[in-house]
Protein backbone atom coordinates (compact mmCIF):
# COMPACT_ATOMS: atom_id res chain seq x y z
CA MET A 1 17.38 6.30 -17.72
CA PRO A 2 13.85 6.93 -16.40
CA LYS A 3 13.28 10.16 -14.53
CA ILE A 4 11.39 10.89 -11.34
CA TYR A 5 9.46 14.16 -11.14
CA GLU A 6 8.82 15.63 -7.70
CA VAL A 7 6.60 18.46 -6.49
CA TYR A 8 5.77 20.05 -3.14
CA GLY A 9 2.48 21.63 -2.17
CA THR A 10 -0.80 21.18 -0.33
CA ASP A 11 -3.24 20.66 -3.23
CA PRO A 12 -3.00 17.07 -4.52
CA HIS A 13 -5.24 17.84 -7.52
CA GLU A 14 -2.97 20.58 -8.86
CA MET A 15 0.20 18.74 -7.81
CA THR A 16 -0.87 15.69 -9.82
CA LYS A 17 -1.61 17.75 -12.91
CA ALA A 18 1.72 19.57 -12.56
CA LEU A 19 3.63 16.28 -12.43
CA MET A 20 1.83 14.83 -15.46
CA THR A 21 2.35 18.04 -17.41
CA ALA A 22 6.07 18.20 -16.60
CA ALA A 23 6.52 14.56 -17.65
CA ASN A 24 4.47 15.13 -20.83
CA ILE A 25 2.40 12.04 -20.12
CA ARG A 26 -0.13 12.70 -22.88
CA ASP A 27 2.49 11.88 -25.53
CA GLN A 28 3.33 8.58 -23.82
CA ILE A 29 -0.19 7.14 -23.97
CA PRO A 30 -1.28 5.31 -27.15
CA ASP A 31 -4.24 6.74 -29.03
CA ASN A 32 -7.58 5.27 -27.94
CA ALA A 33 -5.90 3.46 -25.05
CA SER A 34 -8.00 2.02 -22.24
CA ILE A 35 -6.62 3.60 -19.07
CA ALA A 36 -7.07 2.10 -15.59
CA LEU A 37 -6.25 4.04 -12.42
CA LYS A 38 -5.32 1.94 -9.39
CA PRO A 39 -5.28 3.95 -6.11
CA ASN A 40 -4.72 2.65 -2.58
CA LEU A 41 -8.08 2.13 -0.87
CA ILE A 42 -6.85 -0.42 1.62
CA LEU A 43 -9.60 0.37 4.14
CA ALA A 44 -12.33 2.88 4.93
CA ALA A 45 -10.19 5.72 6.26
CA ASP A 46 -9.79 9.42 5.54
CA PRO A 47 -6.60 9.93 3.46
CA GLU A 48 -5.45 12.45 6.07
CA ASN A 49 -5.03 9.44 8.37
CA GLY A 50 -2.01 8.42 6.31
CA ALA A 51 -3.19 5.18 4.67
CA THR A 52 -5.18 5.92 1.51
CA THR A 53 -4.73 7.91 -1.71
CA HIS A 54 -6.16 11.43 -1.59
CA ALA A 55 -9.18 12.04 -3.80
CA GLY A 56 -7.36 15.03 -5.30
CA VAL A 57 -4.75 12.70 -6.80
CA LEU A 58 -7.52 10.82 -8.55
CA SER A 59 -9.32 13.95 -9.76
CA GLY A 60 -6.12 15.59 -10.95
CA CYS A 61 -5.16 12.51 -12.94
CA ILE A 62 -8.60 12.15 -14.54
CA GLU A 63 -8.84 15.84 -15.39
CA TYR A 64 -5.41 15.84 -17.03
CA LEU A 65 -6.29 12.77 -19.10
CA GLN A 66 -9.65 14.11 -20.23
CA GLU A 67 -8.17 17.48 -21.16
CA ALA A 68 -5.63 15.54 -23.24
CA GLY A 69 -8.45 13.80 -25.10
CA PHE A 70 -8.53 10.43 -23.35
CA TRP A 71 -11.98 9.20 -22.34
CA ASP A 72 -11.70 5.44 -21.89
CA ILE A 73 -10.81 5.78 -18.21
CA SER A 74 -11.78 3.59 -15.26
CA VAL A 75 -10.81 3.27 -11.61
CA ILE A 76 -10.04 -0.23 -10.29
CA GLU A 77 -9.25 -1.43 -6.77
CA SER A 78 -9.98 -3.96 -4.05
CA SER A 79 -9.52 -3.24 -0.38
CA TRP A 80 -7.58 -5.62 1.83
CA TYR A 81 -9.01 -8.92 2.98
CA GLY A 82 -12.03 -8.49 5.28
CA GLU A 83 -12.75 -4.89 4.17
CA LYS A 84 -15.49 -3.77 1.75
CA THR A 85 -14.12 -1.78 -1.18
CA GLU A 86 -17.33 0.26 -1.47
CA ALA A 87 -16.92 1.51 2.10
CA SER A 88 -13.34 2.56 1.37
CA LEU A 89 -14.46 4.34 -1.81
CA LYS A 90 -16.98 6.41 0.14
CA ALA A 91 -14.70 7.18 3.09
CA CYS A 92 -11.98 8.50 0.78
CA GLY A 93 -14.34 10.85 -1.07
CA TYR A 94 -14.06 9.09 -4.42
CA GLU A 95 -17.78 8.94 -5.20
CA LYS A 96 -17.95 12.69 -5.87
CA VAL A 97 -14.89 12.52 -8.12
CA LEU A 98 -16.28 9.64 -10.16
CA ASP A 99 -19.64 11.40 -10.55
CA ARG A 100 -18.06 14.70 -11.52
CA TYR A 101 -15.93 13.20 -14.30
CA ALA A 102 -18.34 10.39 -15.28
CA VAL A 103 -15.70 7.70 -14.73
CA PRO A 104 -16.74 4.14 -13.76
CA PHE A 105 -15.36 2.24 -10.80
CA TYR A 106 -14.78 -1.52 -10.75
CA ASP A 107 -14.42 -3.45 -7.51
CA LEU A 108 -11.79 -6.06 -8.28
CA LYS A 109 -13.14 -8.31 -5.53
CA LYS A 110 -15.93 -9.00 -8.06
CA ASP A 111 -13.71 -9.25 -11.13
CA THR A 112 -12.81 -12.33 -13.12
CA THR A 113 -9.22 -13.53 -12.93
CA ARG A 114 -6.64 -15.22 -15.13
CA ARG A 115 -3.85 -17.48 -13.98
CA ILE A 116 -0.52 -16.02 -15.05
CA ASP A 117 2.88 -17.67 -14.86
CA THR A 118 5.42 -15.69 -12.83
CA PRO A 119 9.04 -16.36 -11.85
CA PHE A 120 7.86 -17.51 -8.41
CA ARG A 121 4.67 -19.48 -9.17
CA PRO A 122 1.42 -19.11 -11.15
CA MET A 123 -0.82 -16.34 -9.79
CA ASP A 124 -4.46 -15.38 -10.21
CA ILE A 125 -4.61 -11.74 -11.35
CA CYS A 126 -7.71 -9.63 -11.97
CA ALA A 127 -8.60 -9.34 -15.64
CA ARG A 128 -9.32 -5.61 -15.67
CA ALA A 129 -5.80 -4.87 -14.47
CA LEU A 130 -4.25 -7.21 -17.03
CA ASP A 131 -6.38 -5.92 -19.91
CA ALA A 132 -5.78 -2.19 -19.43
CA ASP A 133 -3.68 -0.69 -22.22
CA TYR A 134 -2.22 1.85 -19.79
CA LEU A 135 -2.20 1.09 -16.06
CA ILE A 136 -1.60 4.01 -13.71
CA ASP A 137 -0.51 3.11 -10.17
CA LEU A 138 -1.52 5.68 -7.50
CA PRO A 139 0.08 4.39 -4.28
CA VAL A 140 0.72 6.00 -0.92
CA LEU A 141 4.30 6.02 0.33
CA LYS A 142 4.02 4.74 3.90
CA GLY A 143 5.44 2.34 6.40
CA HIS A 144 4.35 -1.26 6.73
CA CYS A 145 4.46 -3.44 9.81
CA GLN A 146 5.78 -6.46 7.88
CA THR A 147 7.58 -5.15 4.81
CA ALA A 148 9.03 -1.89 6.29
CA MET A 149 7.47 0.21 3.50
CA THR A 150 4.83 0.01 0.80
CA CYS A 151 4.64 2.04 -2.39
CA ALA A 152 4.41 1.24 -6.12
CA LEU A 153 5.15 -2.49 -6.13
CA LYS A 154 3.08 -3.57 -3.16
CA ASN A 155 0.12 -1.43 -4.22
CA LEU A 156 -0.42 -3.85 -7.11
CA LYS A 157 -1.49 -6.44 -4.54
CA GLY A 158 -4.90 -4.79 -4.83
CA CYS A 159 -5.11 -6.29 -8.34
CA ILE A 160 -5.37 -9.87 -7.10
CA PRO A 161 -8.40 -11.66 -5.58
CA ASP A 162 -8.74 -12.20 -1.85
CA HIS A 163 -7.77 -15.87 -1.97
CA GLU A 164 -4.52 -14.90 -3.69
CA LYS A 165 -3.87 -12.18 -1.10
CA ARG A 166 -4.09 -14.79 1.65
CA ARG A 167 -1.72 -17.03 -0.26
CA PHE A 168 0.76 -14.13 -0.59
CA HIS A 169 0.98 -14.04 3.20
CA SER A 170 1.40 -17.80 3.45
CA ASP A 171 4.30 -17.44 1.00
CA GLY A 172 5.95 -14.73 3.11
CA LEU A 173 4.96 -11.64 1.02
CA PHE A 174 8.39 -10.76 -0.37
CA GLU A 175 8.73 -13.29 -3.19
CA PRO A 176 5.12 -13.08 -4.40
CA ILE A 177 5.16 -9.27 -4.42
CA GLY A 178 8.39 -9.30 -6.40
CA ALA A 179 7.02 -11.87 -8.84
CA LEU A 180 3.71 -10.04 -9.31
CA SER A 181 5.71 -7.08 -10.62
CA ALA A 182 7.02 -9.25 -13.45
CA ALA A 183 3.48 -10.11 -14.55
CA LEU A 184 1.75 -6.77 -13.98
CA LYS A 185 3.83 -3.65 -14.59
CA PRO A 186 2.20 -0.21 -14.47
CA SER A 187 2.97 2.28 -17.23
CA LEU A 188 2.95 5.21 -14.82
CA ILE A 189 3.26 5.68 -11.06
CA ILE A 190 2.10 8.81 -9.23
CA VAL A 191 2.95 8.60 -5.54
CA ASP A 192 0.88 10.28 -2.84
CA SER A 193 3.51 11.12 -0.24
CA ILE A 194 1.55 13.96 1.30
CA CYS A 195 1.03 12.48 4.75
CA GLY A 196 1.78 8.76 4.71
CA ASP A 197 2.07 6.94 8.01
CA LEU A 198 5.70 5.88 8.38
CA ASN A 199 5.02 2.84 10.55
CA PHE A 200 1.55 1.41 9.94
CA GLU A 201 -0.04 0.45 6.63
CA GLU A 202 -3.52 1.23 7.98
CA GLY A 203 -2.52 4.75 9.10
CA GLY A 204 -3.11 6.46 12.40
CA ASN A 205 0.18 8.31 12.75
CA PRO A 206 0.44 10.41 9.57
CA VAL A 207 3.47 12.58 8.92
CA HIS A 208 2.86 15.52 6.59
CA THR A 209 5.61 16.03 4.04
CA ASN A 210 3.41 17.74 1.37
CA ARG A 211 5.26 15.90 -1.38
CA MET A 212 4.28 13.90 -4.45
CA PHE A 213 6.40 12.27 -7.13
CA LEU A 214 5.95 10.55 -10.49
CA GLY A 215 7.90 7.86 -12.29
CA THR A 216 7.57 5.17 -14.93
CA ASP A 217 9.70 2.44 -13.35
CA PRO A 218 8.06 0.94 -10.22
CA VAL A 219 11.34 -0.50 -8.97
CA GLN A 220 13.09 2.85 -9.27
CA VAL A 221 10.11 4.57 -7.61
CA ASP A 222 10.28 2.18 -4.65
CA ALA A 223 14.05 2.61 -4.41
CA TYR A 224 13.49 6.35 -4.18
CA GLY A 225 10.77 5.80 -1.58
CA CYS A 226 13.32 3.91 0.52
CA GLN A 227 15.67 6.86 0.31
CA LEU A 228 12.97 9.27 1.43
CA MET A 229 12.07 7.06 4.38
CA GLY A 230 15.67 6.52 5.45
CA LEU A 231 15.58 2.81 4.59
CA ASP A 232 18.09 0.67 2.74
CA ILE A 233 16.76 -1.20 -0.27
CA GLU A 234 17.80 -4.39 1.51
CA ASP A 235 15.27 -3.55 4.24
CA VAL A 236 12.54 -4.18 1.63
CA PRO A 237 13.55 -7.49 -0.01
CA TYR A 238 10.86 -7.55 -2.70
CA ILE A 239 12.48 -4.55 -4.44
CA ARG A 240 15.64 -6.49 -5.35
CA LEU A 241 13.53 -9.50 -6.27
CA ALA A 242 11.41 -7.37 -8.62
CA GLU A 243 14.59 -6.02 -10.19
CA SER A 244 16.04 -9.51 -10.66
CA TRP A 245 12.82 -10.60 -12.38
CA GLY A 246 12.92 -7.75 -14.89
CA ALA A 247 10.36 -5.33 -13.44
CA GLY A 248 12.73 -2.36 -13.43
CA SER A 249 15.98 -1.02 -12.02
CA THR A 250 17.03 0.29 -8.63
CA GLU A 251 19.61 2.57 -10.25
CA LEU A 252 18.91 6.15 -9.27
CA ARG A 253 21.27 9.08 -9.69
CA GLU A 254 20.79 12.49 -8.18
CA GLU A 255 20.26 13.98 -11.62
CA ASP A 256 17.42 11.52 -12.28
CA VAL A 257 15.16 13.35 -9.79
CA LEU A 258 13.68 16.50 -11.34
CA ARG A 259 12.10 18.82 -8.77
CA LEU A 260 9.42 21.16 -10.03
CA ASN A 261 9.65 23.41 -6.97
CA GLU A 262 11.00 23.54 -3.45
CA PRO A 263 9.16 23.08 -0.16
CA ALA A 264 7.85 26.22 1.44
CA PHE A 265 10.30 25.84 4.33
CA ALA A 266 13.43 23.85 5.10
CA GLN A 267 12.26 20.28 5.52
CA GLU A 268 13.82 16.86 5.83
CA TYR A 269 11.75 13.77 5.14
CA PRO A 270 11.26 12.14 8.57
CA GLY A 271 12.81 8.70 8.72
CA ALA A 272 11.03 5.56 9.81
CA SER A 273 11.33 5.23 13.56
CA GLY A 274 11.53 1.46 13.83
CA LEU A 275 8.62 1.66 16.24
CA VAL A 276 6.85 -1.39 14.86
CA ARG A 277 9.96 -3.53 15.16
CA LYS A 278 10.28 -2.47 18.78
CA LEU A 279 6.61 -3.03 19.59
CA THR A 280 6.53 -6.50 18.06
CA ARG A 281 9.86 -7.80 19.34
CA ASN A 282 8.12 -10.44 21.47
CA VAL A 283 5.60 -11.45 18.80
CA ARG A 284 5.84 -14.79 17.01
CA ALA A 285 4.46 -14.36 13.48
CA ASP A 286 4.00 -17.18 10.98
CA SER A 287 2.28 -16.27 7.70
CA ALA A 288 0.35 -13.42 9.33
CA CYS A 289 -1.96 -11.36 7.09
CA SER A 290 -1.40 -7.60 6.93
CA PRO A 291 -4.81 -6.60 8.37
CA CYS A 292 -4.34 -8.88 11.36
CA PHE A 293 -0.73 -7.90 11.98
CA ALA A 294 -1.55 -4.20 11.55
CA SER A 295 -4.33 -4.48 14.15
CA LEU A 296 -1.87 -6.09 16.55
CA ALA A 297 0.81 -3.47 15.90
CA ARG A 298 -1.71 -0.70 16.46
CA ALA A 299 -2.95 -2.32 19.68
CA LEU A 300 0.60 -2.73 20.96
CA TYR A 301 1.26 0.92 20.15
CA LEU A 302 -1.78 2.00 22.17
CA ALA A 303 -0.94 -0.41 25.00
CA ASP A 304 2.57 1.01 25.15
CA LYS A 305 1.18 4.56 25.40
CA GLU A 306 -1.07 3.43 28.26
CA GLY A 307 1.79 1.70 30.03
CA VAL A 308 0.16 -1.72 29.80
CA GLN A 309 2.67 -4.42 30.74
CA ILE A 310 2.61 -7.45 28.43
CA ARG A 311 4.15 -10.52 30.03
CA ASP A 312 2.72 -13.23 27.79
CA ARG A 313 4.05 -14.42 24.47
CA ILE A 314 1.93 -13.34 21.50
CA SER A 315 1.36 -15.57 18.45
CA ILE A 316 -0.21 -14.53 15.13
CA GLY A 317 -0.59 -15.99 11.66
CA GLN A 318 -1.98 -18.79 9.51
CA GLY A 319 0.98 -21.00 10.41
CA TYR A 320 -0.47 -21.54 13.90
CA ARG A 321 -3.89 -22.71 12.72
CA GLY A 322 -5.00 -25.79 14.64
CA LYS A 323 -2.13 -25.65 17.14
CA ASP A 324 -2.15 -25.37 20.93
CA LEU A 325 -0.26 -22.23 21.94
CA LYS A 326 1.04 -20.76 25.17
CA GLY A 327 0.15 -17.14 25.87
CA ILE A 328 -1.97 -14.88 23.67
CA GLY A 329 -3.26 -15.73 20.20
CA ILE A 330 -4.37 -13.09 17.69
CA GLY A 331 -7.21 -13.87 15.27
CA ASN A 332 -9.11 -17.00 14.38
CA CYS A 333 -5.95 -18.78 13.24
CA CYS A 334 -4.60 -18.68 16.82
CA ARG A 335 -7.73 -19.68 18.70
CA GLY A 336 -5.73 -22.55 20.25
CA ALA A 337 -3.83 -20.17 22.54
CA ASP A 338 -4.40 -19.93 26.29
CA ALA A 339 -6.18 -16.61 25.62
CA SER A 340 -7.17 -15.41 22.15
CA VAL A 341 -8.88 -12.57 20.31
CA PRO A 342 -11.35 -13.85 17.69
CA GLY A 343 -11.80 -12.23 14.32
CA CYS A 344 -10.49 -12.31 10.75
CA PRO A 345 -9.04 -9.83 11.30
CA PRO A 346 -9.73 -8.77 14.91
CA THR A 347 -9.89 -5.06 15.65
CA ALA A 348 -7.09 -3.25 17.40
CA GLY A 349 -9.63 -2.32 20.09
CA ALA A 350 -10.47 -5.96 20.79
CA ILE A 351 -6.78 -6.87 21.01
CA LEU A 352 -6.09 -3.93 23.31
CA GLU A 353 -8.92 -4.97 25.61
CA LEU A 354 -7.47 -8.46 25.98
CA LEU A 355 -4.01 -7.05 26.67
CA ARG A 356 -5.48 -4.92 29.43
CA GLU A 357 -7.32 -7.90 30.92
CA MET A 358 -4.22 -10.07 30.86
CA GLU A 359 -2.24 -7.42 32.75
CA THR A 360 -4.73 -7.36 35.62
CA GLU A 361 -4.87 -11.14 36.08
């Protein structure tokens, strides 16, 4: 039975090294292996905002590997659709880490792809992710406005090209994410759970838990993430799908979690509030992309704080492209609405401005 190692602290560099040391990772990596590190650089945002992997996680992982004698190391990632990966790299402080340890970075938006059969359908997957001998997944445990949570499994979505990301959303996210896990399984997962946002994938409402954990089974890691966030596995359907397609097991006993230390003070992991579900209860979504839906959720959150009254129906998603819609449309796909916010994706600020205008009419 795979084990999960957990550590508390405030220094992600040292926490990462402690986890890898405790799990004796150096003995699990083949000699002369090519190692690829895949963080979460979804957008250009400071990791303290709750959306992206801390630079210390990256530096701790690289330093451990180099001290163990591994030098064929690279960092791979592509930000979400509409965002430039280079901007995310800079905003998260990765440039200094890469320079310090002389490790190359590859933007997977520019990578070649190979079409791989999966249990759901054939998928285009980036070659550098497929060709790595040892793939290390460095996700952030956080909430998600469409899938309730995101961690090890969904983080691999950064290893597919943008056109495939859009298709994932057209397919409803859950089945393609589950199927991707059958075609691309990381050898190691180190989860940044230091201050993930529990409601929004793009951050903005971080909750500090000062926790990290490590595992080798992405399905088990996500099952544990659900526990920490107070979610049932059934709340995140792609986890069971990944298990059914052979990506790992949801089985997790109390003795399978090995804690290296205890938090500095009595602390319970704060549960997901269900805020997004409440905010979007009057939203009609059909194949909506994460960046667009996240902008809407964020705008609704800000509108709610301002006391803005929303009386019109809101539509969002690729499924409404080319259709006439009553009420408010979000993004270019819903330009046929009575009132719409252009953009692919639109900003939360632009959406909020329209919501304010509609209230005063």
